C-alpha atoms as a PDB file:
ATOM      1  CA  MET A   1     -22.431 -15.532  -1.590  1.00  0.00           C
ATOM      2  CA  ALA A   2     -20.841 -12.964  -3.894  1.00  0.00           C
ATOM      3  CA  GLY A   3     -20.907 -13.711  -7.599  1.00  0.00           C
ATOM      4  CA  SER A   4     -17.406 -12.381  -8.280  1.00  0.00           C
ATOM      5  CA  LEU A   5     -14.375 -10.697  -6.774  1.00  0.00           C
ATOM      6  CA  ASN A   6     -12.036  -8.131  -8.311  1.00  0.00           C
ATOM      7  CA  LYS A   7      -9.124  -7.565  -5.935  1.00  0.00           C
ATOM      8  CA  VAL A   8      -5.426  -7.050  -6.630  1.00  0.00           C
ATOM      9  CA  MET A   9      -2.690  -7.038  -3.977  1.00  0.00           C
ATOM     10  CA  LEU A  10       0.871  -6.126  -4.947  1.00  0.00           C
ATOM     11  CA  ILE A  11       4.160  -5.506  -3.178  1.00  0.00           C
ATOM     12  CA  GLY A  12       6.763  -3.771  -5.291  1.00  0.00           C
ATOM     13  CA  HIS A  13       8.985  -0.762  -5.857  1.00  0.00           C
ATOM     14  CA  VAL A  14       7.864   2.577  -7.289  1.00  0.00           C
ATOM     15  CA  GLY A  15       9.417   3.048 -10.744  1.00  0.00           C
ATOM     16  CA  GLN A  16       9.340   6.853 -10.817  1.00  0.00           C
ATOM     17  CA  ASP A  17       8.021   9.684  -8.676  1.00  0.00           C
ATOM     18  CA  PRO A  18       4.212   9.686  -8.752  1.00  0.00           C
ATOM     19  CA  GLU A  19       2.383  12.001 -11.130  1.00  0.00           C
ATOM     20  CA  ILE A  20      -0.440  14.026  -9.561  1.00  0.00           C
ATOM     21  CA  ASN A  21      -3.030  15.612 -11.892  1.00  0.00           C
ATOM     22  CA  LYS A  22      -6.177  17.679 -11.450  1.00  0.00           C
ATOM     23  CA  LEU A  23      -9.299  16.420 -13.215  1.00  0.00           C
ATOM     24  CA  ASN A  24     -11.784  18.602 -15.124  1.00  0.00           C
ATOM     25  CA  ASN A  25     -14.410  17.952 -12.427  1.00  0.00           C
ATOM     26  CA  GLY A  26     -12.087  19.359  -9.736  1.00  0.00           C
ATOM     27  CA  GLY A  27     -10.961  15.965  -8.479  1.00  0.00           C
ATOM     28  CA  ILE A  28      -7.410  14.711  -8.239  1.00  0.00           C
ATOM     29  CA  VAL A  29      -5.713  11.570  -9.569  1.00  0.00           C
ATOM     30  CA  ALA A  30      -2.312  10.035  -8.813  1.00  0.00           C
ATOM     31  CA  ASN A  31      -0.522   7.793 -11.309  1.00  0.00           C
ATOM     32  CA  LEU A  32       2.479   5.669 -10.475  1.00  0.00           C
ATOM     33  CA  SER A  33       4.234   2.592 -11.769  1.00  0.00           C
ATOM     34  CA  LEU A  34       5.055  -0.340  -9.515  1.00  0.00           C
ATOM     35  CA  ALA A  35       7.584  -3.051 -10.322  1.00  0.00           C
ATOM     36  CA  THR A  36       7.199  -6.577  -9.007  1.00  0.00           C
ATOM     37  CA  SER A  37       9.975  -9.089  -9.508  1.00  0.00           C
ATOM     38  CA  GLU A  38      10.436 -12.803  -9.252  1.00  0.00           C
ATOM     39  CA  SER A  39      13.706 -14.675  -9.348  1.00  0.00           C
ATOM     40  CA  TRP A  40      14.596 -18.310  -9.819  1.00  0.00           C
ATOM     41  CA  LYS A  41      17.529 -20.529 -10.577  1.00  0.00           C
ATOM     42  CA  ASP A  42      17.667 -22.013 -14.072  1.00  0.00           C
ATOM     43  CA  LYS A  43      17.647 -25.816 -13.679  1.00  0.00           C
ATOM     44  CA  ASN A  44      19.869 -26.369 -16.709  1.00  0.00           C
ATOM     45  CA  THR A  45      22.561 -23.738 -16.140  1.00  0.00           C
ATOM     46  CA  GLY A  46      22.189 -23.003 -12.416  1.00  0.00           C
ATOM     47  CA  GLU A  47      22.159 -19.316 -13.366  1.00  0.00           C
ATOM     48  CA  LYS A  48      19.974 -16.925 -11.386  1.00  0.00           C
ATOM     49  CA  LYS A  49      17.179 -15.470 -13.543  1.00  0.00           C
ATOM     50  CA  GLU A  50      14.890 -12.557 -12.772  1.00  0.00           C
ATOM     51  CA  ARG A  51      11.737 -11.212 -14.362  1.00  0.00           C
ATOM     52  CA  THR A  52      10.233  -7.817 -13.581  1.00  0.00           C
ATOM     53  CA  GLU A  53       6.604  -6.973 -14.234  1.00  0.00           C
ATOM     54  CA  TRP A  54       5.446  -3.339 -14.368  1.00  0.00           C
ATOM     55  CA  HIS A  55       1.999  -2.330 -13.113  1.00  0.00           C
ATOM     56  CA  ARG A  56       0.131   0.948 -13.601  1.00  0.00           C
ATOM     57  CA  ILE A  57      -1.428   2.192 -10.376  1.00  0.00           C
ATOM     58  CA  VAL A  58      -4.177   4.845 -10.553  1.00  0.00           C
ATOM     59  CA  VAL A  59      -5.501   6.494  -7.393  1.00  0.00           C
ATOM     60  CA  PHE A  60      -8.720   8.544  -7.497  1.00  0.00           C
ATOM     61  CA  SER A  61      -9.065   9.057  -3.760  1.00  0.00           C
ATOM     62  CA  GLU A  62      -8.270  12.685  -2.817  1.00  0.00           C
ATOM     63  CA  GLY A  63      -6.858  11.822   0.616  1.00  0.00           C
ATOM     64  CA  LEU A  64      -4.655   9.030  -0.696  1.00  0.00           C
ATOM     65  CA  CYS A  65      -3.451  11.287  -3.530  1.00  0.00           C
ATOM     66  CA  GLY A  66      -2.350  13.868  -0.958  1.00  0.00           C
ATOM     67  CA  VAL A  67      -0.402  11.288   1.008  1.00  0.00           C
ATOM     68  CA  ILE A  68       1.154   9.879  -2.186  1.00  0.00           C
ATOM     69  CA  GLU A  69       2.154  13.367  -3.332  1.00  0.00           C
ATOM     70  CA  GLN A  70       3.769  14.146   0.010  1.00  0.00           C
ATOM     71  CA  TYR A  71       5.450  10.841   0.921  1.00  0.00           C
ATOM     72  CA  VAL A  72       5.839   8.393  -1.991  1.00  0.00           C
ATOM     73  CA  ARG A  73       9.033   8.570  -4.072  1.00  0.00           C
ATOM     74  CA  LYS A  74      10.852   6.528  -6.715  1.00  0.00           C
ATOM     75  CA  GLY A  75      12.387   3.337  -5.352  1.00  0.00           C
ATOM     76  CA  GLN A  76      10.111   3.121  -2.321  1.00  0.00           C
ATOM     77  CA  LYS A  77       8.598  -0.265  -1.499  1.00  0.00           C
ATOM     78  CA  LEU A  78       4.783  -0.257  -1.351  1.00  0.00           C
ATOM     79  CA  TYR A  79       1.895  -2.610  -0.765  1.00  0.00           C
ATOM     80  CA  VAL A  80      -1.162  -1.638  -2.800  1.00  0.00           C
ATOM     81  CA  GLU A  81      -4.616  -3.150  -2.807  1.00  0.00           C
ATOM     82  CA  GLY A  82      -7.240  -2.207  -5.359  1.00  0.00           C
ATOM     83  CA  GLU A  83      -9.254  -3.361  -8.371  1.00  0.00           C
ATOM     84  CA  LEU A  84      -8.100  -4.430 -11.814  1.00  0.00           C
ATOM     85  CA  GLN A  85      -9.619  -2.299 -14.582  1.00  0.00           C
ATOM     86  CA  THR A  86      -8.984  -2.163 -18.324  1.00  0.00           C
ATOM     87  CA  ARG A  87      -9.545   1.089 -20.184  1.00  0.00           C
ATOM     88  CA  LYS A  88     -10.178   1.242 -23.923  1.00  0.00           C
ATOM     89  CA  TRP A  89      -9.762   4.292 -26.149  1.00  0.00           C
ATOM     90  CA  GLU A  90      -9.072   5.144 -29.739  1.00  0.00           C
ATOM     91  CA  LYS A  91      -6.093   7.179 -30.934  1.00  0.00           C
ATOM     92  CA  ASP A  92      -5.315   7.826 -34.605  1.00  0.00           C
ATOM     93  CA  GLY A  93      -7.903   5.227 -35.595  1.00  0.00           C
ATOM     94  CA  ILE A  94      -6.226   2.516 -33.505  1.00  0.00           C
ATOM     95  CA  GLU A  95      -7.957   0.963 -30.493  1.00  0.00           C
ATOM     96  CA  ARG A  96      -5.703   1.001 -27.456  1.00  0.00           C
ATOM     97  CA  TYR A  97      -6.035  -0.739 -24.097  1.00  0.00           C
ATOM     98  CA  SER A  98      -4.504  -0.171 -20.695  1.00  0.00           C
ATOM     99  CA  THR A  99      -4.902  -2.459 -17.696  1.00  0.00           C
ATOM    100  CA  GLU A 100      -4.496  -0.686 -14.361  1.00  0.00           C
ATOM    101  CA  ILE A 101      -4.803  -1.313 -10.659  1.00  0.00           C
ATOM    102  CA  VAL A 102      -7.293   1.318  -9.464  1.00  0.00           C
ATOM    103  CA  LEU A 103      -7.416   2.494  -5.851  1.00  0.00           C
ATOM    104  CA  THR A 104     -10.679   4.197  -4.981  1.00  0.00           C
ATOM    105  CA  GLY A 105     -13.269   4.029  -2.232  1.00  0.00           C
ATOM    106  CA  PHE A 106     -13.264   1.932   0.919  1.00  0.00           C
ATOM    107  CA  ASP A 107     -11.326  -1.002  -0.529  1.00  0.00           C
ATOM    108  CA  ALA A 108      -8.274   1.072  -1.509  1.00  0.00           C
ATOM    109  CA  LYS A 109      -5.166   0.408   0.574  1.00  0.00           C
ATOM    110  CA  LEU A 110      -1.615   1.674   0.334  1.00  0.00           C
ATOM    111  CA  LEU A 111       1.080   0.591   2.782  1.00  0.00           C
ATOM    112  CA  MET A 112       4.495   2.240   2.758  1.00  0.00           C
ATOM    113  CA  LEU A 113       6.892  -0.582   3.566  1.00  0.00           C
ATOM    114  CA  ASP A 114       9.981   1.635   3.711  1.00  0.00           C
ATOM    115  CA  ARG A 115      10.916   5.255   3.448  1.00  0.00           C
ATOM    116  CA  ALA A 116      11.390   7.220   0.263  1.00  0.00           C
ATOM    117  CA  SER A 117      15.025   7.833  -0.582  1.00  0.00           C
ATOM    118  CA  GLY A 118      15.969  11.447  -1.056  1.00  0.00           C
ATOM    119  CA  GLY A 119      14.079  14.617  -0.281  1.00  0.00           C
ATOM    120  CA  GLY A 120      13.047  16.023   3.073  1.00  0.00           C
ATOM    121  CA  ASP A 121      15.088  16.849   6.138  1.00  0.00           C
ATOM    122  CA  ARG A 122      16.925  14.034   7.840  1.00  0.00           C
ATOM    123  CA  ASP A 123      17.366  13.190  11.497  1.00  0.00           C
ATOM    124  CA  PRO A 124      20.790  12.216  12.965  1.00  0.00           C
ATOM    125  CA  ASN A 125      20.195   8.570  11.969  1.00  0.00           C
ATOM    126  CA  GLY A 126      19.733   9.573   8.310  1.00  0.00           C
ATOM    127  CA  ASN A 127      15.973   8.967   8.375  1.00  0.00           C
ATOM    128  CA  ALA A 128      13.674  11.407   6.603  1.00  0.00           C
ATOM    129  CA  ASP A 129      12.197  13.738   9.193  1.00  0.00           C
ATOM    130  CA  ARG A 130       8.568  13.938   8.085  1.00  0.00           C
ATOM    131  CA  PRO A 131       5.310  13.720  10.013  1.00  0.00           C
ATOM    132  CA  GLY A 132       4.437  10.150  10.934  1.00  0.00           C
ATOM    133  CA  ASN A 133       7.913   8.935   9.987  1.00  0.00           C
ATOM    134  CA  LYS A 134       9.115   7.884  13.424  1.00  0.00           C
ATOM    135  CA  SER A 135       6.583   5.241  14.329  1.00  0.00           C
ATOM    136  CA  GLY A 136       4.412   4.962  11.271  1.00  0.00           C
ATOM    137  CA  GLY A 137       0.814   5.987  11.037  1.00  0.00           C
ATOM    138  CA  ASN A 138      -2.501   5.460   9.381  1.00  0.00           C
ATOM    139  CA  TYR A 139      -3.996   8.025   7.077  1.00  0.00           C
ATOM    140  CA  ALA A 140      -7.620   7.789   6.022  1.00  0.00           C
ATOM    141  CA  ASP A 141      -9.205   9.779   3.241  1.00  0.00           C
ATOM    142  CA  LYS A 142     -12.785  10.970   2.924  1.00  0.00           C
ATOM    143  CA  SER A 143     -13.788   8.013   0.772  1.00  0.00           C
ATOM    144  CA  GLY A 144     -12.449   5.464   3.222  1.00  0.00           C
ATOM    145  CA  GLY A 145      -9.166   4.476   1.539  1.00  0.00           C
ATOM    146  CA  THR A 146      -6.304   3.796   3.925  1.00  0.00           C
ATOM    147  CA  VAL A 147      -2.602   4.454   3.789  1.00  0.00           C
ATOM    148  CA  ARG A 148      -0.304   2.968   6.367  1.00  0.00           C
ATOM    149  CA  GLN A 149       3.330   3.832   6.834  1.00  0.00           C
ATOM    150  CA  SER A 150       5.258   1.013   8.431  1.00  0.00           C
ATOM    151  CA  GLN A 151       7.191   1.691  11.583  1.00  0.00           C
ATOM    152  CA  ASP A 152      10.952   1.867  11.807  1.00  0.00           C
ATOM    153  CA  ARG A 153      11.752  -1.799  12.396  1.00  0.00           C
ATOM    154  CA  GLY A 154      15.374  -1.056  13.336  1.00  0.00           C
ATOM    155  CA  ARG A 155      14.528   0.793  16.550  1.00  0.00           C
ATOM    156  CA  ASP A 156      11.197  -0.737  17.530  1.00  0.00           C
ATOM    157  CA  GLN A 157      11.820  -4.306  16.505  1.00  0.00           C
ATOM    158  CA  GLY A 158       9.242  -6.658  17.906  1.00  0.00           C
ATOM    159  CA  GLN A 159       7.182  -4.005  19.661  1.00  0.00           C
ATOM    160  CA  GLY A 160       4.693  -3.286  16.913  1.00  0.00           C
ATOM    161  CA  ASP A 161       2.357  -0.352  16.545  1.00  0.00           C
ATOM    162  CA  SER A 162       0.826   0.660  19.864  1.00  0.00           C
ATOM    163  CA  ARG A 163      -2.680   0.197  18.400  1.00  0.00           C
ATOM    164  CA  GLU A 164      -1.738  -3.317  17.272  1.00  0.00           C
ATOM    165  CA  SER A 165      -0.170  -4.114  20.665  1.00  0.00           C
ATOM    166  CA  PHE A 166      -3.287  -2.828  22.401  1.00  0.00           C
ATOM    167  CA  SER A 167      -5.491  -4.951  20.123  1.00  0.00           C
ATOM    168  CA  ARG A 168      -3.428  -8.047  20.883  1.00  0.00           C
ATOM    169  CA  GLN A 169      -3.592  -7.345  24.626  1.00  0.00           C
ATOM    170  CA  ARG A 170      -7.336  -6.724  24.476  1.00  0.00           C
ATOM    171  CA  GLY A 171      -7.783  -9.864  22.387  1.00  0.00           C
ATOM    172  CA  GLY A 172      -6.076 -11.886  25.110  1.00  0.00           C
ATOM    173  CA  GLU A 173      -8.249 -10.320  27.786  1.00  0.00           C
ATOM    174  CA  GLN A 174     -11.385 -11.005  25.770  1.00  0.00           C
ATOM    175  CA  ARG A 175     -10.390 -14.649  25.249  1.00  0.00           C
ATOM    176  CA  GLN A 176      -9.773 -14.994  29.006  1.00  0.00           C
ATOM    177  CA  GLN A 177     -13.157 -13.406  29.800  1.00  0.00           C
ATOM    178  CA  SER A 178     -14.777 -15.714  27.256  1.00  0.00           C
ATOM    179  CA  ARG A 179     -13.255 -18.768  28.932  1.00  0.00           C
ATOM    180  CA  GLU A 180     -14.491 -17.568  32.329  1.00  0.00           C
ATOM    181  CA  LEU A 181     -17.994 -17.066  30.918  1.00  0.00           C
ATOM    182  CA  ASP A 182     -17.908 -20.525  29.327  1.00  0.00           C
ATOM    183  CA  ASP A 183     -17.311 -22.022  32.787  1.00  0.00           C
ATOM    184  CA  GLU A 184     -20.468 -20.341  34.066  1.00  0.00           C
ATOM    185  CA  ILE A 185     -22.789 -21.690  31.363  1.00  0.00           C
ATOM    186  CA  PRO A 186     -25.148 -24.212  33.024  1.00  0.00           C
ATOM    187  CA  PHE A 187     -25.363 -26.770  30.192  1.00  0.00           C
END
């Protein structure tokens, strides 16, 4: 059994276009802010209240950084999965801290839940005409991080990604084969 777990999963909207920077060691890093919101109705006044929380997202994976640079824009809804890390540094004699969600390695995930608004050519339906935009797609980087762009739910509603459909079909076949094998077991 594992002694601890450091995993953060967020769904929110990008606060500004991502910032992509080169590191001194030749690597690349993407920084973006993600807003998550919760709303509730005040019991006393019946008024709708909302609270927004801002999260710093830092991506060290070169492949994911490339996808973020090319596809992610302000206002876009994302699912991110990474680790929580707190950095500490000193500036002007004052200790400063920053808590960030870091996406790196095999556990890093980024799912584009809708399209970026603005930028890129558009098809007749007003959708951005970019690679992988029609039916979604998975992008994997060298370190194993994964980005998934969701499919256009308006046109393909209920059909799902062909890989997912295939997996579901195969799963059904495997369950059926399993049942048949269970009937042949002599005890």
